[in-house]
C-alpha cells in the first residue's frame, strides 16, 4: 500500500508541471480573449459600426482565442490530432444536416459585415418593401407597407437584388400619360412640368422630362419623369402628380382620349330573301 501511494505521489509530481502549464495556457487564453474582444468592440464603436456587427466580431474573436488556448492545454496531456479529426467528422455530419440553418447563419454574418442596409432603412428585400426592423443571424425582420411583419431568411435576402431607398438622396417617379392627337405637345409638356412642381418632395435637379414614346390607336403616349427626395413617399407622390396633371389638363382644355374601337358588322341574307 505504501508503494502504491508512493508511486501515485511520484506520478502526481511528475504530471504537476504539465497540469500547471495547461491551466496557465487556458487562463491566459481566456482572459486574453475577453480583453481583446472588448478592445475590438470599442474600436468598432468608435468607427460607428453597427452594434450587431461589433458584438458578432468580438464574440468570434473571444471564443477563437479561448478555443486555441483550450486545445493547447489539452496538448500537454495527449495528442489532440485524433480528437480534432473525430470532432471534424462530427462537425461535418452536423453541418450537412443543418446546412440550411448554416447557410442562413453565414449569410447573416455577411449582411452584418457588408451592411447593404441598416436597421431603420427603407428597402426592398426578396421582393418585399418596408422598413428594416432587425438583422439577425438567421432571419431579417422587415415591416411591410401594409403593417405586417415579415421574417426573411438571410440566404434569400443575400441571393436576390437588394434595393436600399434610404441611401439614395432622391429617386425618380415615372408616370404614363396619354393625350389626343389634336393636342399641342409643347403645351402639354408645359402643363405637366408645372403640375409636378407642386408635388411634395419634388426636387429640381435632375430636371423633369416629358418624353413621347408611342403613337397609340387613339392617343399619343407620353412618359413623365420627375425626381423626389428620399424622405417623400413614392406612392403618394405618384398619386399627387396624377391628380395635379389631370387638373392642369382640365384647365388647359387638354383632352385625355378614351380608347377607340371600330366594330364592323356584316349581315347575311337568308335563303328566302335570296330567292326574291
Foldseek 3Di string as FASTA:
>chain_A
DVVVVVVVVVVCVVCVVLQVVLVVLLVVLQVVLVVVLVVQLVVCVVVVADPVLSVVVSVVSSVVSNVVSNQVSVVSPDDCPVVVVVVVVVVVVVCVVCVLQVLLLVLLNVCSVVVPDDQQWFKQFLNFTAGFHDRDSFWTWGQGPVRDIDTHGSNRRVVDDMGTLRVDFKDKAKDKAWFFPPDDVVVLFVQLQVQLVPQPQFDPPPHKDKAFDDDDPGTTMIMTMTMGGSVDDRVSSVVSSVVSSVVSCVVVVIDRDDDDDDDDDDDDDDPVVVVD
